[in-house]
Protein backbone atom coordinates (compact mmCIF):
# COMPACT_ATOMS: atom_id res chain seq x y z
CA MET A 1 -5.34 1.68 25.34
CA VAL A 2 -6.25 1.04 21.11
CA LYS A 3 -4.37 2.06 18.61
CA THR A 4 -4.56 1.44 14.72
CA ILE A 5 -1.87 -0.29 12.81
CA SER A 6 -1.23 -0.19 9.10
CA ALA A 7 0.07 -1.93 6.05
CA TYR A 8 0.00 -1.41 2.10
CA ILE A 9 1.02 -2.72 -1.01
CA ASN A 10 1.44 -1.28 -4.79
CA VAL A 11 0.33 -3.99 -7.48
CA ALA A 12 0.77 -2.84 -10.63
CA LEU A 13 -3.00 -2.17 -12.00
CA VAL A 14 -2.70 -4.39 -15.20
CA ASP A 15 -2.27 -7.08 -12.25
CA TYR A 16 -5.26 -6.16 -10.32
CA ASP A 17 -8.22 -7.88 -9.99
CA ASP A 18 -10.76 -8.97 -7.40
CA SER A 19 -8.94 -12.41 -6.72
CA THR A 20 -5.60 -10.10 -6.72
CA LYS A 21 -7.57 -7.89 -4.30
CA ASP A 22 -8.34 -10.70 -2.37
CA HIS A 23 -5.59 -12.67 -1.69
CA VAL A 24 -3.26 -9.57 -1.20
CA VAL A 25 -5.45 -8.47 2.00
CA GLU A 26 -5.42 -11.80 3.26
CA LEU A 27 -1.35 -11.53 3.07
CA MET A 28 -1.26 -8.40 4.80
CA LYS A 29 -3.83 -9.70 6.98
CA GLU A 30 -1.80 -12.48 8.12
CA SER A 31 1.86 -10.14 8.28
CA LEU A 32 -0.16 -7.91 11.01
CA ARG A 33 -1.20 -10.87 13.35
CA GLU A 34 2.64 -12.38 13.16
CA GLN A 35 3.86 -8.73 13.86
CA THR A 36 2.12 -7.43 16.64
CA SER A 37 1.65 -9.32 19.97
CA GLU A 38 -1.26 -6.96 21.07
CA THR A 39 -5.03 -8.22 20.63
CA ILE A 40 -6.26 -7.05 17.48
CA LEU A 41 -9.49 -6.49 17.72
CA GLU A 42 -11.20 -8.24 14.26
CA ASN A 43 -14.30 -6.17 13.81
CA THR A 44 -12.01 -3.07 13.04
CA TRP A 45 -10.80 -4.25 9.76
CA ASN A 46 -10.73 -1.37 7.05
CA ILE A 47 -9.74 -1.65 3.46
CA GLU A 48 -9.02 0.92 1.06
CA GLU A 49 -8.16 1.02 -2.72
CA LYS A 50 -6.24 4.21 -4.30
CA LYS A 51 -5.38 4.88 -7.79
CA ARG A 52 -2.21 6.09 -8.47
CA LYS A 53 0.66 6.86 -10.79
CA LEU A 54 4.07 6.34 -9.88
CA PHE A 55 7.39 7.86 -11.14
CA LYS A 56 10.33 6.47 -11.62
CA ASN A 57 13.55 8.93 -10.37
CA GLU A 58 16.91 9.62 -10.75
CA GLU A 59 17.94 6.72 -8.62
CA GLY A 60 15.38 4.37 -10.02
CA VAL A 61 13.04 4.35 -6.81
CA TRP A 62 9.08 4.57 -7.80
CA VAL A 63 7.75 7.81 -5.69
CA THR A 64 4.73 8.81 -5.72
CA ASN A 65 5.58 12.83 -6.61
CA PRO A 66 7.76 13.83 -9.12
CA SER A 67 10.76 15.32 -8.90
CA ALA A 68 11.37 19.03 -9.97
CA SER A 69 13.57 17.91 -12.29
CA LEU A 70 11.48 15.63 -13.84
CA PHE A 71 9.74 18.36 -15.37
CA SER A 72 11.83 19.72 -17.24
CA GLU A 73 12.46 16.40 -19.17
CA ASP A 74 10.09 15.00 -21.29
CA LEU A 75 7.90 12.83 -19.04
CA ASN A 76 7.33 10.35 -21.96
CA ALA A 77 10.96 9.32 -21.20
CA ARG A 78 10.64 8.46 -17.95
CA GLU A 79 8.95 5.25 -16.68
CA ILE A 80 5.49 5.67 -14.96
CA LEU A 81 3.85 2.51 -13.81
CA GLU A 82 0.14 3.16 -12.50
CA VAL A 83 -0.72 0.94 -9.25
CA MET A 84 -3.27 0.14 -7.06
CA THR A 85 -2.80 1.04 -3.76
CA ILE A 86 -4.41 -1.60 -1.18
CA GLU A 87 -3.97 -0.04 2.16
CA ILE A 88 -5.14 -1.97 5.37
CA THR A 89 -5.89 -0.82 8.77
CA VAL A 90 -6.82 -2.31 12.16
CA ASP A 91 -7.73 -1.73 15.78
CA VAL A 92 -5.26 -3.12 18.57
CA VAL A 93 -5.64 -3.21 22.34
CA ASN A 94 -2.33 -4.09 24.41
CA THR A 95 -4.10 -7.08 27.13
CA ILE A 96 -0.98 -6.48 29.28
């Protein structure tokens, strides 16, 4: 049976370039290879990039959607981080 596994990471946009992307993708591929006991179908790797803004919430956690309370405050007073989210997916098959 074939299924898809994935991983993603956020990289600050100011630190992002093709070299960073290539390095991060290779690290994520290696991590997925180590985490699965299934056979990875190497020709099915897919890489997606998404530029997003993250907002620091009241607990200090970076979130994609600010809570309603953030809108009642001045957003400029809140921390905002522009990131590139790199997501990789790959198909795997159980050989047993």
